[in-house]
């Protein structure tokens, strides 16, 4: 009797876990489609800074949420990838409906598009690692902040891969402040936040120095 009850509880828990995974995969795909379609609809409308903030940071926010809520590292990889592909599918679908190509809506060029996809998947995986309460979680949060700030530096630097004149100063400063806030929000203690922010500052400084030397 006791053994049967235990088996039933285990099966019920397994079923709840599987249903949760299914809902997470569906939510990641639908979220990617929604974010992509909103980007298509909003392209060229509203103030100029809105486009620079939405693309790619709305997509990165989705990847962060998807990765942080995944039930495992492999699921974080899969769902983040699905969200990114769904975003691209929405952009392409919007282009077909509108009678033109919409690949330029995400990133603005092939090089920036590839960078954005790599950043999306990387952010999703790192977001999952931030669920750890040890130093690895701190470092993962720091790398997320550094990746966001590196993208800001990249876009705000003329002549670099994603250089955009209109991105500086307001959109760059806004996203930079949000990146720091994200790092702080991802950690639960003062010591963890200090380690994460130190990692962010160090890696961002190295990236900025590399841009200076390369330029």
N, C-alpha and C. Protein backbone atom coordinates (compact mmCIF):
# COMPACT_ATOMS: atom_id res chain seq x y z
N UNK A 1 0.83 -1.20 0.00
CA UNK A 1 0.00 0.00 0.00
C UNK A 1 0.87 1.25 0.00
N UNK A 2 1.86 1.28 0.93
CA UNK A 2 2.75 2.43 1.01
C UNK A 2 3.56 2.61 -0.25
N UNK A 3 4.04 1.47 -0.81
CA UNK A 3 4.83 1.54 -2.02
C UNK A 3 4.01 2.04 -3.19
N UNK A 4 2.78 1.60 -3.30
CA UNK A 4 1.90 2.05 -4.38
C UNK A 4 1.65 3.55 -4.28
N UNK A 5 1.46 4.03 -3.04
CA UNK A 5 1.23 5.46 -2.83
C UNK A 5 2.45 6.26 -3.24
N UNK A 6 3.65 5.76 -2.88
CA UNK A 6 4.89 6.45 -3.26
C UNK A 6 5.04 6.51 -4.77
N UNK A 7 4.75 5.40 -5.45
CA UNK A 7 4.85 5.37 -6.90
C UNK A 7 3.88 6.35 -7.54
N UNK A 8 2.67 6.43 -6.97
CA UNK A 8 1.66 7.36 -7.51
C UNK A 8 2.13 8.81 -7.35
N UNK A 9 2.72 9.11 -6.17
CA UNK A 9 3.21 10.47 -5.93
C UNK A 9 4.35 10.81 -6.89
N UNK A 10 5.25 9.85 -7.11
CA UNK A 10 6.36 10.07 -8.03
C UNK A 10 5.85 10.30 -9.45
N UNK A 11 4.88 9.50 -9.88
CA UNK A 11 4.32 9.66 -11.22
C UNK A 11 3.60 11.00 -11.36
N UNK A 12 2.89 11.41 -10.31
CA UNK A 12 2.19 12.69 -10.36
C UNK A 12 3.19 13.84 -10.45
N UNK A 13 4.29 13.73 -9.69
CA UNK A 13 5.32 14.77 -9.73
C UNK A 13 5.98 14.81 -11.10
N UNK A 14 6.25 13.64 -11.67
CA UNK A 14 6.84 13.56 -13.01
C UNK A 14 5.90 14.18 -14.04
N UNK A 15 4.63 13.90 -13.91
CA UNK A 15 3.65 14.45 -14.85
C UNK A 15 3.58 15.97 -14.74
N UNK A 16 3.61 16.51 -13.51
CA UNK A 16 3.61 17.96 -13.34
C UNK A 16 4.85 18.59 -13.94
N UNK A 17 5.99 17.91 -13.77
CA UNK A 17 7.24 18.44 -14.32
C UNK A 17 7.18 18.47 -15.85
N UNK A 18 6.69 17.38 -16.44
CA UNK A 18 6.60 17.32 -17.89
C UNK A 18 5.64 18.38 -18.44
N UNK A 19 4.52 18.56 -17.77
CA UNK A 19 3.57 19.59 -18.20
C UNK A 19 4.17 20.99 -18.07
N UNK A 20 4.95 21.19 -17.03
CA UNK A 20 5.62 22.48 -16.86
C UNK A 20 6.62 22.75 -17.97
N UNK A 21 7.36 21.71 -18.36
CA UNK A 21 8.31 21.85 -19.46
C UNK A 21 7.59 22.16 -20.76
N UNK A 22 6.49 21.45 -21.00
CA UNK A 22 5.71 21.70 -22.23
C UNK A 22 5.20 23.13 -22.28
N UNK A 23 4.69 23.62 -21.15
CA UNK A 23 4.20 25.00 -21.10
C UNK A 23 5.34 26.00 -21.32
N UNK A 24 6.51 25.68 -20.78
CA UNK A 24 7.66 26.57 -20.93
C UNK A 24 8.11 26.64 -22.38
N UNK A 25 8.18 25.49 -23.04
CA UNK A 25 8.56 25.47 -24.46
C UNK A 25 7.56 26.27 -25.30
N UNK A 26 6.26 26.06 -25.03
CA UNK A 26 5.22 26.78 -25.77
C UNK A 26 5.31 28.28 -25.51
N UNK A 27 5.51 28.64 -24.25
CA UNK A 27 5.60 30.06 -23.90
C UNK A 27 6.80 30.73 -24.56
N UNK A 28 7.94 30.01 -24.62
CA UNK A 28 9.13 30.57 -25.27
C UNK A 28 8.88 30.81 -26.76
N UNK A 29 8.24 29.86 -27.42
CA UNK A 29 7.95 30.01 -28.85
C UNK A 29 6.96 31.14 -29.11
N UNK A 30 5.89 31.17 -28.33
CA UNK A 30 4.89 32.22 -28.52
C UNK A 30 5.45 33.59 -28.14
N UNK A 31 6.29 33.62 -27.10
CA UNK A 31 6.93 34.88 -26.72
C UNK A 31 7.82 35.40 -27.82
N UNK A 32 8.59 34.51 -28.46
CA UNK A 32 9.44 34.92 -29.57
C UNK A 32 8.62 35.47 -30.74
N UNK A 33 7.51 34.79 -31.06
CA UNK A 33 6.64 35.26 -32.13
C UNK A 33 6.06 36.63 -31.80
N UNK A 34 5.61 36.81 -30.56
CA UNK A 34 5.00 38.08 -30.16
C UNK A 34 6.01 39.23 -30.22
N UNK A 35 7.20 38.99 -29.67
CA UNK A 35 8.23 40.03 -29.68
C UNK A 35 8.65 40.37 -31.10
N UNK A 36 8.79 39.33 -31.95
CA UNK A 36 9.16 39.57 -33.34
C UNK A 36 8.11 40.34 -34.10
N UNK A 37 6.84 39.97 -33.92
CA UNK A 37 5.75 40.67 -34.62
C UNK A 37 5.63 42.11 -34.17
N UNK A 38 5.79 42.34 -32.87
CA UNK A 38 5.75 43.72 -32.37
C UNK A 38 6.89 44.54 -32.98
N UNK A 39 8.05 43.92 -33.13
CA UNK A 39 9.16 44.62 -33.76
C UNK A 39 8.87 44.98 -35.20
N UNK A 40 8.20 44.06 -35.93
CA UNK A 40 7.82 44.33 -37.32
C UNK A 40 6.82 45.48 -37.38
N UNK A 41 5.82 45.43 -36.52
CA UNK A 41 4.76 46.44 -36.54
C UNK A 41 5.28 47.81 -36.12
N UNK A 42 6.25 47.83 -35.20
CA UNK A 42 6.75 49.10 -34.67
C UNK A 42 7.89 49.69 -35.49
N UNK A 43 8.41 48.92 -36.46
CA UNK A 43 9.56 49.39 -37.24
C UNK A 43 9.22 50.67 -37.99
N UNK A 44 10.07 51.67 -37.80
CA UNK A 44 9.88 52.94 -38.50
C UNK A 44 8.83 53.84 -37.90
N UNK A 45 8.23 53.42 -36.78
CA UNK A 45 7.20 54.23 -36.14
C UNK A 45 7.69 54.70 -34.77
N UNK A 46 7.16 55.81 -34.33
CA UNK A 46 7.54 56.33 -33.03
C UNK A 46 8.89 57.02 -33.07
N UNK A 47 9.39 57.45 -31.91
CA UNK A 47 10.69 58.12 -31.85
C UNK A 47 11.83 57.22 -32.26
N UNK A 48 12.91 57.81 -32.77
CA UNK A 48 14.03 57.02 -33.25
C UNK A 48 14.69 56.17 -32.18
N UNK A 49 14.71 56.68 -30.93
CA UNK A 49 15.38 55.93 -29.87
C UNK A 49 14.66 54.63 -29.54
N UNK A 50 13.34 54.57 -29.84
CA UNK A 50 12.57 53.37 -29.49
C UNK A 50 13.10 52.15 -30.23
N UNK A 51 13.39 52.32 -31.51
CA UNK A 51 13.91 51.20 -32.29
C UNK A 51 15.23 50.69 -31.77
N UNK A 52 16.10 51.60 -31.31
CA UNK A 52 17.40 51.20 -30.80
C UNK A 52 17.29 50.48 -29.46
N UNK A 53 16.27 50.81 -28.68
CA UNK A 53 16.07 50.14 -27.41
C UNK A 53 15.37 48.80 -27.61
N UNK A 54 14.40 48.75 -28.52
CA UNK A 54 13.65 47.51 -28.76
C UNK A 54 14.53 46.45 -29.40
N UNK A 55 15.34 46.86 -30.36
CA UNK A 55 16.19 45.93 -31.11
C UNK A 55 17.64 46.15 -30.71
N UNK A 56 18.28 45.18 -30.04
CA UNK A 56 17.82 43.82 -29.77
C UNK A 56 17.39 43.57 -28.31
N UNK A 57 17.22 44.63 -27.53
CA UNK A 57 17.12 44.43 -26.08
C UNK A 57 15.80 43.83 -25.65
N UNK A 58 14.73 44.00 -26.42
CA UNK A 58 13.49 43.28 -26.11
C UNK A 58 13.71 41.78 -26.30
N UNK A 59 14.47 41.41 -27.34
CA UNK A 59 14.77 40.00 -27.59
C UNK A 59 15.67 39.44 -26.48
N UNK A 60 16.63 40.26 -26.03
CA UNK A 60 17.52 39.81 -24.96
C UNK A 60 16.77 39.64 -23.65
N UNK A 61 15.81 40.52 -23.38
CA UNK A 61 14.99 40.39 -22.17
C UNK A 61 14.20 39.09 -22.21
N UNK A 62 13.68 38.74 -23.39
CA UNK A 62 12.95 37.47 -23.53
C UNK A 62 13.88 36.30 -23.27
N UNK A 63 15.09 36.33 -23.85
CA UNK A 63 16.05 35.25 -23.63
C UNK A 63 16.41 35.12 -22.16
N UNK A 64 16.56 36.25 -21.48
CA UNK A 64 16.88 36.24 -20.06
C UNK A 64 15.76 35.58 -19.25
N UNK A 65 14.51 35.95 -19.56
CA UNK A 65 13.37 35.37 -18.85
C UNK A 65 13.22 33.88 -19.14
N UNK A 66 13.41 33.50 -20.40
CA UNK A 66 13.26 32.10 -20.79
C UNK A 66 14.34 31.24 -20.13
N UNK A 67 15.58 31.70 -20.18
CA UNK A 67 16.67 30.93 -19.60
C UNK A 67 16.56 30.79 -18.09
N UNK A 68 16.19 31.89 -17.42
CA UNK A 68 16.12 31.88 -15.96
C UNK A 68 14.99 30.99 -15.45
N UNK A 69 13.96 30.77 -16.27
CA UNK A 69 12.81 29.97 -15.84
C UNK A 69 12.85 28.54 -16.35
N UNK A 70 13.92 28.15 -17.05
CA UNK A 70 14.02 26.79 -17.59
C UNK A 70 14.24 25.78 -16.48
N UNK A 71 13.85 24.54 -16.74
CA UNK A 71 13.96 23.49 -15.72
C UNK A 71 15.29 22.76 -15.76
N UNK A 72 16.15 23.08 -16.71
CA UNK A 72 17.45 22.45 -16.81
C UNK A 72 18.30 23.17 -17.83
N UNK A 73 19.61 22.90 -17.81
CA UNK A 73 20.52 23.58 -18.73
C UNK A 73 20.16 23.28 -20.19
N UNK A 74 19.88 22.00 -20.47
CA UNK A 74 19.51 21.63 -21.83
C UNK A 74 18.22 22.28 -22.28
N UNK A 75 17.26 22.36 -21.36
CA UNK A 75 15.99 23.03 -21.70
C UNK A 75 16.20 24.52 -21.88
N UNK A 76 17.12 25.11 -21.13
CA UNK A 76 17.43 26.53 -21.32
C UNK A 76 17.98 26.76 -22.73
N UNK A 77 18.87 25.87 -23.17
CA UNK A 77 19.42 25.98 -24.52
C UNK A 77 18.33 25.84 -25.57
N UNK A 78 17.49 24.82 -25.41
CA UNK A 78 16.44 24.56 -26.40
C UNK A 78 15.43 25.70 -26.47
N UNK A 79 14.91 26.12 -25.31
CA UNK A 79 13.86 27.13 -25.31
C UNK A 79 14.37 28.50 -25.75
N UNK A 80 15.61 28.82 -25.39
CA UNK A 80 16.18 30.09 -25.86
C UNK A 80 16.35 30.07 -27.37
N UNK A 81 16.80 28.93 -27.89
CA UNK A 81 16.94 28.79 -29.34
C UNK A 81 15.59 28.90 -30.04
N UNK A 82 14.58 28.24 -29.47
CA UNK A 82 13.24 28.31 -30.06
C UNK A 82 12.71 29.74 -30.05
N UNK A 83 12.94 30.45 -28.95
CA UNK A 83 12.48 31.84 -28.87
C UNK A 83 13.16 32.70 -29.92
N UNK A 84 14.48 32.48 -30.13
CA UNK A 84 15.21 33.25 -31.13
C UNK A 84 14.72 32.93 -32.55
N UNK A 85 14.52 31.64 -32.82
CA UNK A 85 14.04 31.25 -34.15
C UNK A 85 12.63 31.77 -34.39
N UNK A 86 11.79 31.73 -33.36
CA UNK A 86 10.43 32.24 -33.50
C UNK A 86 10.44 33.74 -33.80
N UNK A 87 11.37 34.46 -33.19
CA UNK A 87 11.49 35.89 -33.45
C UNK A 87 11.85 36.13 -34.91
N UNK A 88 12.81 35.35 -35.42
CA UNK A 88 13.19 35.47 -36.84
C UNK A 88 12.03 35.10 -37.75
N UNK A 89 11.32 34.04 -37.39
CA UNK A 89 10.18 33.61 -38.20
C UNK A 89 9.12 34.70 -38.27
N UNK A 90 8.89 35.38 -37.15
CA UNK A 90 7.91 36.47 -37.13
C UNK A 90 8.36 37.61 -38.03
N UNK A 91 9.67 37.92 -38.01
CA UNK A 91 10.19 38.99 -38.85
C UNK A 91 10.06 38.65 -40.33
N UNK A 92 10.40 37.39 -40.67
CA UNK A 92 10.28 36.96 -42.06
C UNK A 92 8.81 36.93 -42.49
N UNK A 93 7.94 36.41 -41.62
CA UNK A 93 6.52 36.38 -41.93
C UNK A 93 5.96 37.77 -42.13
N UNK A 94 6.39 38.70 -41.29
CA UNK A 94 5.94 40.08 -41.47
C UNK A 94 6.42 40.66 -42.78
N UNK A 95 7.64 40.28 -43.21
CA UNK A 95 8.14 40.76 -44.48
C UNK A 95 7.36 40.20 -45.66
N UNK A 96 6.99 38.91 -45.57
CA UNK A 96 6.21 38.30 -46.65
C UNK A 96 4.85 38.97 -46.78
N UNK A 97 4.22 39.21 -45.64
CA UNK A 97 2.90 39.86 -45.66
C UNK A 97 3.01 41.28 -46.21
N UNK A 98 4.10 41.96 -45.82
CA UNK A 98 4.27 43.34 -46.27
C UNK A 98 4.84 43.46 -47.66
N UNK A 99 5.21 42.33 -48.25
CA UNK A 99 5.73 42.37 -49.62
C UNK A 99 7.19 42.71 -49.73
N UNK A 100 7.95 42.50 -48.67
CA UNK A 100 9.38 42.80 -48.72
C UNK A 100 10.13 41.97 -47.72
N UNK A 101 11.45 42.15 -47.67
CA UNK A 101 12.28 41.41 -46.73
C UNK A 101 12.35 42.17 -45.41
N UNK A 102 12.29 41.43 -44.29
CA UNK A 102 12.35 42.08 -42.99
C UNK A 102 13.55 41.62 -42.17
N UNK A 103 14.54 40.98 -42.83
CA UNK A 103 15.71 40.55 -42.08
C UNK A 103 16.44 41.75 -41.48
N UNK A 104 16.32 42.93 -42.16
CA UNK A 104 17.04 44.10 -41.68
C UNK A 104 16.47 44.63 -40.37
N UNK A 105 15.30 44.14 -39.99
CA UNK A 105 14.70 44.66 -38.76
C UNK A 105 15.42 44.17 -37.52
N UNK A 106 16.10 43.06 -37.63
CA UNK A 106 16.81 42.52 -36.47
C UNK A 106 18.30 42.70 -36.70
N UNK A 107 18.87 43.69 -36.04
CA UNK A 107 20.30 43.93 -36.11
C UNK A 107 20.72 44.89 -37.18
N UNK A 108 20.12 44.86 -38.37
CA UNK A 108 20.45 45.80 -39.42
C UNK A 108 21.43 45.25 -40.44
N UNK A 109 22.13 44.14 -40.16
CA UNK A 109 23.06 43.54 -41.10
C UNK A 109 23.26 42.08 -40.71
N UNK A 110 23.86 41.32 -41.63
CA UNK A 110 24.08 39.89 -41.36
C UNK A 110 25.03 39.71 -40.17
N UNK A 111 26.09 40.52 -40.13
CA UNK A 111 27.06 40.41 -39.04
C UNK A 111 26.41 40.68 -37.69
N UNK A 112 25.60 41.75 -37.63
CA UNK A 112 24.94 42.08 -36.36
C UNK A 112 23.87 41.06 -36.03
N UNK A 113 23.20 40.50 -37.06
CA UNK A 113 22.20 39.46 -36.82
C UNK A 113 22.84 38.23 -36.19
N UNK A 114 24.00 37.81 -36.72
CA UNK A 114 24.70 36.66 -36.15
C UNK A 114 25.12 36.93 -34.71
N UNK A 115 25.62 38.15 -34.46
CA UNK A 115 26.02 38.53 -33.11
C UNK A 115 24.82 38.50 -32.17
N UNK A 116 23.69 38.99 -32.66
CA UNK A 116 22.49 39.03 -31.84
C UNK A 116 22.01 37.62 -31.48
N UNK A 117 22.03 36.70 -32.45
CA UNK A 117 21.60 35.33 -32.18
C UNK A 117 22.51 34.65 -31.16
N UNK A 118 23.83 34.85 -31.33
CA UNK A 118 24.77 34.27 -30.37
C UNK A 118 24.55 34.86 -28.98
N UNK A 119 24.29 36.17 -28.93
CA UNK A 119 24.06 36.83 -27.66
C UNK A 119 22.78 36.33 -27.01
N UNK A 120 21.72 36.12 -27.82
CA UNK A 120 20.46 35.63 -27.28
C UNK A 120 20.63 34.27 -26.60
N UNK A 121 21.27 33.34 -27.30
CA UNK A 121 21.44 32.00 -26.75
C UNK A 121 22.37 32.03 -25.55
N UNK A 122 23.44 32.81 -25.64
CA UNK A 122 24.36 32.92 -24.51
C UNK A 122 23.70 33.50 -23.27
N UNK A 123 22.90 34.54 -23.46
CA UNK A 123 22.20 35.16 -22.34
C UNK A 123 21.23 34.15 -21.70
N UNK A 124 20.54 33.37 -22.53
CA UNK A 124 19.62 32.37 -22.00
C UNK A 124 20.31 31.34 -21.14
N UNK A 125 21.45 30.84 -21.59
CA UNK A 125 22.19 29.84 -20.83
C UNK A 125 22.76 30.44 -19.54
N UNK A 126 23.31 31.63 -19.64
CA UNK A 126 23.86 32.28 -18.45
C UNK A 126 22.76 32.59 -17.44
N UNK A 127 21.57 32.96 -17.94
CA UNK A 127 20.45 33.26 -17.05
C UNK A 127 20.09 32.03 -16.22
N UNK A 128 20.17 30.86 -16.84
CA UNK A 128 19.89 29.63 -16.08
C UNK A 128 20.95 29.42 -14.99
N UNK A 129 22.20 29.69 -15.31
CA UNK A 129 23.28 29.48 -14.33
C UNK A 129 23.15 30.44 -13.16
N UNK A 130 22.56 31.61 -13.38
CA UNK A 130 22.40 32.58 -12.28
C UNK A 130 21.48 32.07 -11.18
N UNK A 131 20.76 30.98 -11.42
CA UNK A 131 19.92 30.40 -10.38
C UNK A 131 20.75 29.74 -9.28
N UNK A 132 22.02 29.49 -9.57
CA UNK A 132 22.92 28.95 -8.54
C UNK A 132 23.20 30.05 -7.51
N UNK A 133 23.39 29.64 -6.27
CA UNK A 133 23.64 30.60 -5.20
C UNK A 133 25.12 30.74 -4.87
N UNK A 134 25.99 30.10 -5.67
CA UNK A 134 27.42 30.16 -5.40
C UNK A 134 28.10 31.19 -6.30
N UNK A 135 29.42 31.16 -6.32
CA UNK A 135 30.18 32.13 -7.12
C UNK A 135 29.94 31.97 -8.61
N UNK A 136 29.65 30.74 -9.06
CA UNK A 136 29.38 30.55 -10.47
C UNK A 136 28.14 31.34 -10.90
N UNK A 137 27.15 31.38 -10.02
CA UNK A 137 25.98 32.20 -10.30
C UNK A 137 26.32 33.68 -10.35
N UNK A 138 27.23 34.11 -9.46
CA UNK A 138 27.66 35.50 -9.46
C UNK A 138 28.38 35.84 -10.76
N UNK A 139 29.28 34.96 -11.17
CA UNK A 139 30.04 35.20 -12.40
C UNK A 139 29.12 35.19 -13.62
N UNK A 140 28.13 34.30 -13.62
CA UNK A 140 27.19 34.27 -14.74
C UNK A 140 26.42 35.59 -14.85
N UNK A 141 25.98 36.11 -13.71
CA UNK A 141 25.29 37.40 -13.71
C UNK A 141 26.23 38.50 -14.20
N UNK A 142 27.50 38.44 -13.78
CA UNK A 142 28.47 39.42 -14.23
C UNK A 142 28.71 39.36 -15.72
N UNK A 143 28.76 38.17 -16.27
CA UNK A 143 28.97 38.02 -17.71
C UNK A 143 27.75 38.54 -18.48
N UNK A 144 26.55 38.32 -17.95
CA UNK A 144 25.35 38.87 -18.59
C UNK A 144 25.44 40.39 -18.66
N UNK A 145 25.79 41.01 -17.54
CA UNK A 145 25.94 42.46 -17.54
C UNK A 145 27.01 42.93 -18.50
N UNK A 146 28.14 42.20 -18.55
CA UNK A 146 29.22 42.56 -19.46
C UNK A 146 28.80 42.41 -20.92
N UNK A 147 28.04 41.36 -21.22
CA UNK A 147 27.57 41.15 -22.59
C UNK A 147 26.66 42.28 -23.04
N UNK A 148 25.76 42.70 -22.15
CA UNK A 148 24.86 43.81 -22.47
C UNK A 148 25.64 45.10 -22.65
N UNK A 149 26.58 45.38 -21.75
CA UNK A 149 27.37 46.60 -21.85
C UNK A 149 28.30 46.56 -23.06
N UNK A 150 28.82 45.37 -23.39
CA UNK A 150 29.66 45.24 -24.58
C UNK A 150 28.86 45.56 -25.84
N UNK A 151 27.61 45.13 -25.87
CA UNK A 151 26.77 45.44 -27.02
C UNK A 151 26.51 46.95 -27.09
N UNK A 152 26.34 47.58 -25.93
CA UNK A 152 26.15 49.03 -25.89
C UNK A 152 27.39 49.74 -26.43
N UNK A 153 28.57 49.31 -25.96
CA UNK A 153 29.82 49.91 -26.43
C UNK A 153 29.98 49.68 -27.93
N UNK A 154 29.66 48.48 -28.37
CA UNK A 154 29.74 48.14 -29.80
C UNK A 154 28.88 49.08 -30.63
N UNK A 155 27.64 49.29 -30.22
CA UNK A 155 26.72 50.12 -30.99
C UNK A 155 27.04 51.60 -30.89
N UNK A 156 27.64 52.00 -29.79
CA UNK A 156 27.93 53.42 -29.58
C UNK A 156 29.28 53.84 -30.15
N UNK A 157 30.08 52.86 -30.63
CA UNK A 157 31.41 53.16 -31.16
C UNK A 157 31.37 53.28 -32.67
N UNK A 158 31.60 54.45 -33.25
CA UNK A 158 31.57 54.62 -34.71
C UNK A 158 32.58 53.72 -35.41
N UNK A 159 32.15 53.10 -36.50
CA UNK A 159 33.05 52.29 -37.31
C UNK A 159 33.17 50.85 -36.87
N UNK A 160 32.56 50.49 -35.72
CA UNK A 160 32.65 49.10 -35.28
C UNK A 160 31.50 48.31 -35.87
N UNK A 161 31.42 47.00 -35.58
CA UNK A 161 30.49 46.09 -36.27
C UNK A 161 29.05 46.58 -36.20
N UNK A 162 28.64 47.11 -35.05
CA UNK A 162 27.25 47.55 -34.92
C UNK A 162 27.11 49.04 -34.67
N UNK A 163 28.13 49.81 -35.06
CA UNK A 163 28.13 51.23 -34.78
C UNK A 163 26.91 51.95 -35.33
N UNK A 164 26.24 52.71 -34.48
CA UNK A 164 25.07 53.48 -34.88
C UNK A 164 25.17 54.86 -34.24
N UNK A 165 25.24 55.89 -35.06
CA UNK A 165 25.43 57.25 -34.56
C UNK A 165 24.33 57.67 -33.59
N UNK A 166 23.09 57.34 -33.92
CA UNK A 166 21.96 57.80 -33.11
C UNK A 166 21.80 57.02 -31.81
N UNK A 167 22.62 56.00 -31.60
CA UNK A 167 22.51 55.21 -30.38
C UNK A 167 23.09 55.94 -29.17
N UNK A 168 23.95 56.90 -29.44
CA UNK A 168 24.57 57.67 -28.36
C UNK A 168 23.98 59.07 -28.34
N UNK A 169 23.66 59.65 -27.15
CA UNK A 169 23.96 59.11 -25.82
C UNK A 169 22.77 58.47 -25.10
N UNK A 170 21.53 58.94 -25.35
CA UNK A 170 20.41 58.53 -24.50
C UNK A 170 20.13 57.03 -24.52
N UNK A 171 19.94 56.38 -25.70
CA UNK A 171 19.68 54.93 -25.66
C UNK A 171 20.82 54.15 -25.01
N UNK A 172 22.06 54.55 -25.29
CA UNK A 172 23.21 53.84 -24.71
C UNK A 172 23.22 53.96 -23.19
N UNK A 173 22.99 55.15 -22.69
CA UNK A 173 22.99 55.36 -21.24
C UNK A 173 21.83 54.61 -20.57
N UNK A 174 20.67 54.62 -21.24
CA UNK A 174 19.50 53.91 -20.69
C UNK A 174 19.77 52.42 -20.58
N UNK A 175 20.25 51.81 -21.66
CA UNK A 175 20.52 50.37 -21.65
C UNK A 175 21.65 50.04 -20.69
N UNK A 176 22.66 50.91 -20.60
CA UNK A 176 23.74 50.68 -19.66
C UNK A 176 23.24 50.64 -18.22
N UNK A 177 22.35 51.56 -17.88
CA UNK A 177 21.78 51.58 -16.53
C UNK A 177 20.93 50.34 -16.27
N UNK A 178 20.16 49.92 -17.27
CA UNK A 178 19.34 48.72 -17.13
C UNK A 178 20.22 47.49 -16.95
N UNK A 179 21.35 47.42 -17.67
CA UNK A 179 22.26 46.28 -17.55
C UNK A 179 22.78 46.16 -16.13
N UNK A 180 23.17 47.27 -15.53
CA UNK A 180 23.65 47.25 -14.15
C UNK A 180 22.53 46.82 -13.20
N UNK A 181 21.32 47.33 -13.44
CA UNK A 181 20.17 46.96 -12.60
C UNK A 181 19.87 45.48 -12.71
N UNK A 182 20.01 44.90 -13.91
CA UNK A 182 19.76 43.47 -14.10
C UNK A 182 20.75 42.64 -13.29
N UNK A 183 22.03 43.03 -13.33
CA UNK A 183 23.04 42.31 -12.57
C UNK A 183 22.70 42.32 -11.08
N UNK A 184 22.33 43.48 -10.57
CA UNK A 184 21.98 43.60 -9.15
C UNK A 184 20.75 42.76 -8.81
N UNK A 185 19.75 42.79 -9.70
CA UNK A 185 18.51 42.05 -9.45
C UNK A 185 18.71 40.54 -9.48
N UNK A 186 19.70 40.08 -10.23
CA UNK A 186 19.91 38.63 -10.35
C UNK A 186 20.58 38.00 -9.13
N UNK A 187 21.18 38.83 -8.28
CA UNK A 187 21.87 38.29 -7.10
C UNK A 187 21.14 38.70 -5.84
N UNK A 188 21.23 37.87 -4.82
CA UNK A 188 20.41 38.07 -3.64
C UNK A 188 21.11 38.65 -2.43
N UNK A 189 22.43 38.80 -2.49
CA UNK A 189 23.16 39.33 -1.34
C UNK A 189 24.13 40.41 -1.79
N UNK A 190 24.58 41.20 -0.82
CA UNK A 190 25.50 42.30 -1.15
C UNK A 190 26.82 41.77 -1.70
N UNK A 191 27.36 40.72 -1.07
CA UNK A 191 28.61 40.15 -1.55
C UNK A 191 28.50 39.60 -2.95
N UNK A 192 27.39 38.90 -3.24
CA UNK A 192 27.19 38.34 -4.58
C UNK A 192 27.07 39.46 -5.61
N UNK A 193 26.38 40.53 -5.25
CA UNK A 193 26.23 41.65 -6.18
C UNK A 193 27.56 42.33 -6.46
N UNK A 194 28.39 42.46 -5.42
CA UNK A 194 29.70 43.08 -5.62
C UNK A 194 30.56 42.24 -6.55
N UNK A 195 30.56 40.91 -6.34
CA UNK A 195 31.34 40.03 -7.22
C UNK A 195 30.82 40.10 -8.66
N UNK A 196 29.51 40.08 -8.82
CA UNK A 196 28.93 40.13 -10.16
C UNK A 196 29.26 41.44 -10.85
N UNK A 197 29.13 42.55 -10.14
CA UNK A 197 29.42 43.86 -10.73
C UNK A 197 30.90 44.00 -11.04
N UNK A 198 31.76 43.45 -10.17
CA UNK A 198 33.21 43.49 -10.44
C UNK A 198 33.53 42.72 -11.72
N UNK A 199 32.89 41.58 -11.89
CA UNK A 199 33.07 40.79 -13.11
C UNK A 199 32.60 41.57 -14.33
N UNK A 200 31.45 42.25 -14.20
CA UNK A 200 30.92 43.05 -15.30
C UNK A 200 31.89 44.17 -15.69
N UNK A 201 32.38 44.89 -14.70
CA UNK A 201 33.29 46.01 -14.96
C UNK A 201 34.57 45.52 -15.61
N UNK A 202 35.13 44.41 -15.09
CA UNK A 202 36.38 43.88 -15.63
C UNK A 202 36.23 43.47 -17.09
N UNK A 203 35.20 42.68 -17.40
CA UNK A 203 35.02 42.19 -18.76
C UNK A 203 34.66 43.32 -19.73
N UNK A 204 33.86 44.26 -19.28
CA UNK A 204 33.51 45.40 -20.14
C UNK A 204 34.74 46.25 -20.40
N UNK A 205 35.56 46.45 -19.39
CA UNK A 205 36.80 47.21 -19.57
C UNK A 205 37.74 46.54 -20.57
N UNK A 206 37.85 45.21 -20.49
CA UNK A 206 38.68 44.47 -21.45
C UNK A 206 38.14 44.61 -22.87
N UNK A 207 36.81 44.55 -23.01
CA UNK A 207 36.21 44.70 -24.34
C UNK A 207 36.44 46.10 -24.88
N UNK A 208 36.28 47.12 -24.04
CA UNK A 208 36.50 48.49 -24.47
C UNK A 208 37.97 48.72 -24.86
N UNK A 209 38.88 48.10 -24.10
CA UNK A 209 40.29 48.23 -24.44
C UNK A 209 40.60 47.56 -25.77
N UNK A 210 39.95 46.42 -26.03
CA UNK A 210 40.18 45.72 -27.30
C UNK A 210 39.67 46.56 -28.47
N UNK A 211 38.51 47.22 -28.28
CA UNK A 211 37.98 48.08 -29.34
C UNK A 211 38.95 49.23 -29.61
N UNK A 212 39.51 49.80 -28.53
CA UNK A 212 40.45 50.90 -28.70
C UNK A 212 41.69 50.48 -29.49
N UNK A 213 42.19 49.30 -29.14
CA UNK A 213 43.38 48.79 -29.85
C UNK A 213 43.05 48.42 -31.28
N UNK A 214 41.90 47.76 -31.48
CA UNK A 214 41.51 47.35 -32.83
C UNK A 214 41.19 48.56 -33.70
N UNK A 215 40.65 49.61 -33.09
CA UNK A 215 40.30 50.80 -33.87
C UNK A 215 41.53 51.63 -34.22
